[in-house]
């Protein structure tokens, strides 16, 4: 998805600490990623497992997360946000909310299940943004801000 490359450039430009980044679909497919010497190197299998962490986000701190062959501790999660840390590097991953998933929040399970039967073009897509950074602790706030800003923008245009 070549059009997504501009979002990767925007994300990596949002913080000099971001070394690698990707935008991934909920099926684990890569929509865009950093290339060249800074190539985002997670495998398809790894990304499918990683994206599924958002399905049970409260358990992620007890298990950690694997990304690009590295096991990260996860000191904190928030709704639709995972923060991973290993030595002087880490990642922030944020899942955008589709329009219908926003609607189903706070409603009973039956409504949420019925929303899943809507045609894809009505459900709109969700994306997972992943930014891997290197640096001291103070850079993590910049990385988080860059990830959240782009996630908010993608939600505003239906992803």
Protein backbone atom coordinates (compact mmCIF):
# COMPACT_ATOMS: atom_id res chain seq x y z
CA UNK A 1 0.00 0.00 0.00
CA UNK A 2 2.27 2.71 -1.29
CA UNK A 3 0.06 5.56 -0.06
CA UNK A 4 0.74 4.55 3.51
CA UNK A 5 4.45 5.34 3.17
CA UNK A 6 3.73 9.04 3.76
CA UNK A 7 2.31 8.14 7.17
CA UNK A 8 5.47 6.21 8.04
CA UNK A 9 7.53 9.26 7.03
CA UNK A 10 5.30 11.45 9.19
CA UNK A 11 5.66 9.08 12.14
CA UNK A 12 9.44 8.79 11.93
CA UNK A 13 9.67 12.55 11.44
CA UNK A 14 7.62 13.06 14.62
CA UNK A 15 10.50 11.91 16.81
CA UNK A 16 14.17 11.44 15.98
CA UNK A 17 14.26 8.54 18.45
CA UNK A 18 11.96 6.41 16.24
CA UNK A 19 14.26 4.02 14.39
CA UNK A 20 11.75 1.65 12.81
CA UNK A 21 8.01 1.80 12.32
CA UNK A 22 5.11 0.03 10.67
CA UNK A 23 1.41 0.34 10.04
CA UNK A 24 -0.23 -3.06 10.23
CA UNK A 25 -3.74 -4.36 9.57
CA UNK A 26 -5.65 -6.36 12.18
CA UNK A 27 -4.75 -9.51 10.25
CA UNK A 28 -1.05 -8.74 10.75
CA UNK A 29 -0.48 -7.65 7.16
CA UNK A 30 2.03 -4.84 6.71
CA UNK A 31 0.50 -1.78 5.07
CA UNK A 32 3.73 0.23 5.29
CA UNK A 33 7.05 0.09 7.11
CA UNK A 34 10.41 1.72 7.31
CA UNK A 35 12.78 0.35 4.68
CA UNK A 36 16.51 0.23 3.96
CA UNK A 37 18.93 0.27 6.87
CA UNK A 38 16.05 1.03 9.23
CA UNK A 39 13.78 -1.72 7.93
CA UNK A 40 11.03 -2.88 10.27
CA UNK A 41 11.79 -6.62 10.44
CA UNK A 42 8.91 -8.32 12.24
CA UNK A 43 7.74 -11.53 10.59
CA UNK A 44 4.16 -12.16 9.43
CA UNK A 45 3.66 -14.72 12.19
CA UNK A 46 5.08 -12.38 14.81
CA UNK A 47 2.80 -9.54 13.67
CA UNK A 48 -0.34 -11.72 13.77
CA UNK A 49 0.50 -12.65 17.35
CA UNK A 50 1.43 -9.07 18.22
CA UNK A 51 -1.80 -7.57 16.83
CA UNK A 52 -3.82 -10.17 18.76
CA UNK A 53 -2.40 -8.73 22.01
CA UNK A 54 -4.95 -5.93 21.67
CA UNK A 55 -7.75 -8.51 22.11
CA UNK A 56 -6.72 -9.09 25.74
CA UNK A 57 -4.65 -6.00 26.47
CA UNK A 58 -4.91 -6.29 30.26
CA UNK A 59 -2.88 -9.52 30.27
CA UNK A 60 0.00 -8.13 28.19
CA UNK A 61 2.05 -6.77 31.15
CA UNK A 62 2.23 -10.27 32.64
CA UNK A 63 3.43 -11.90 29.41
CA UNK A 64 5.36 -9.16 27.63
CA UNK A 65 5.47 -8.79 23.86
CA UNK A 66 7.69 -10.07 21.06
CA UNK A 67 8.60 -7.84 18.16
CA UNK A 68 11.40 -8.18 15.59
CA UNK A 69 12.76 -11.19 17.46
CA UNK A 70 13.11 -9.26 20.73
CA UNK A 71 11.12 -9.96 23.89
CA UNK A 72 10.03 -6.72 25.56
CA UNK A 73 8.69 -6.27 29.05
CA UNK A 74 5.44 -4.34 29.04
CA UNK A 75 5.28 -2.11 32.10
CA UNK A 76 2.06 -0.45 31.03
CA UNK A 77 -0.93 -0.72 28.74
CA UNK A 78 -3.84 1.61 28.24
CA UNK A 79 -6.92 1.13 26.11
CA UNK A 80 -5.58 0.57 22.58
CA UNK A 81 -1.97 1.37 23.59
CA UNK A 82 0.94 -0.94 24.47
CA UNK A 83 4.30 0.29 25.75
CA UNK A 84 7.22 -2.15 25.57
CA UNK A 85 10.71 -1.68 27.03
CA UNK A 86 14.07 -3.45 26.77
CA UNK A 87 17.26 -1.79 28.01
CA UNK A 88 17.52 1.58 26.22
CA UNK A 89 14.99 0.75 23.53
CA UNK A 90 11.30 0.17 23.40
CA UNK A 91 8.15 0.52 21.37
CA UNK A 92 4.74 2.11 21.43
CA UNK A 93 1.92 0.42 19.56
CA UNK A 94 -1.51 1.96 19.18
CA UNK A 95 -4.64 0.46 17.67
CA UNK A 96 -7.03 2.83 15.97
CA UNK A 97 -10.76 2.45 16.48
CA UNK A 98 -13.11 2.03 13.55
CA UNK A 99 -16.34 4.00 13.51
CA UNK A 100 -18.45 0.96 14.38
CA UNK A 101 -16.13 -0.23 17.12
CA UNK A 102 -16.49 3.23 18.68
CA UNK A 103 -20.28 2.83 18.43
CA UNK A 104 -20.26 -0.59 20.08
CA UNK A 105 -18.31 0.54 23.15
CA UNK A 106 -20.53 0.43 26.19
CA UNK A 107 -23.18 -1.63 24.39
CA UNK A 108 -23.96 -5.23 25.10
CA UNK A 109 -22.10 -8.08 23.41
CA UNK A 110 -25.05 -8.83 21.10
CA UNK A 111 -24.74 -5.41 19.44
CA UNK A 112 -20.97 -5.78 19.09
CA UNK A 113 -21.40 -9.21 17.49
CA UNK A 114 -23.98 -7.91 15.02
CA UNK A 115 -21.70 -5.03 14.03
CA UNK A 116 -19.10 -7.58 12.93
CA UNK A 117 -21.52 -8.76 10.22
CA UNK A 118 -21.63 -5.33 8.56
CA UNK A 119 -19.90 -5.07 5.18
CA UNK A 120 -16.25 -4.11 5.45
CA UNK A 121 -16.78 -0.75 3.76
CA UNK A 122 -19.29 0.16 6.47
CA UNK A 123 -17.17 -1.14 9.34
CA UNK A 124 -14.12 0.74 8.12
CA UNK A 125 -10.68 -0.54 8.90
CA UNK A 126 -8.54 -0.45 11.98
CA UNK A 127 -4.79 -0.10 11.92
CA UNK A 128 -2.04 -0.80 14.41
CA UNK A 129 0.83 1.69 14.44
CA UNK A 130 4.12 0.45 15.81
CA UNK A 131 7.11 2.68 16.52
CA UNK A 132 10.38 1.18 17.77
CA UNK A 133 12.68 3.69 19.45
CA UNK A 134 16.16 3.86 20.92
CA UNK A 135 17.32 6.28 23.56
CA UNK A 136 16.99 7.29 27.17
CA UNK A 137 13.67 7.31 28.99
CA UNK A 138 12.90 10.93 28.19
CA UNK A 139 12.47 10.15 24.47
CA UNK A 140 9.60 7.74 25.14
CA UNK A 141 7.20 10.65 25.70
CA UNK A 142 8.07 12.08 22.27
CA UNK A 143 7.53 8.69 20.64
CA UNK A 144 4.21 8.20 22.40
CA UNK A 145 3.04 11.64 21.30
CA UNK A 146 3.99 10.94 17.67
CA UNK A 147 2.18 7.57 17.70
CA UNK A 148 -0.95 8.95 19.37
CA UNK A 149 -1.08 11.96 17.05
CA UNK A 150 -0.97 9.79 13.92
CA UNK A 151 -3.46 7.30 15.40
CA UNK A 152 -5.90 10.13 16.12
CA UNK A 153 -5.51 11.42 12.58
CA UNK A 154 -6.09 7.96 11.06
CA UNK A 155 -9.23 7.57 13.18
CA UNK A 156 -10.48 10.92 11.90
CA UNK A 157 -10.27 9.64 8.31
CA UNK A 158 -11.88 6.28 9.09
CA UNK A 159 -9.06 3.92 10.08
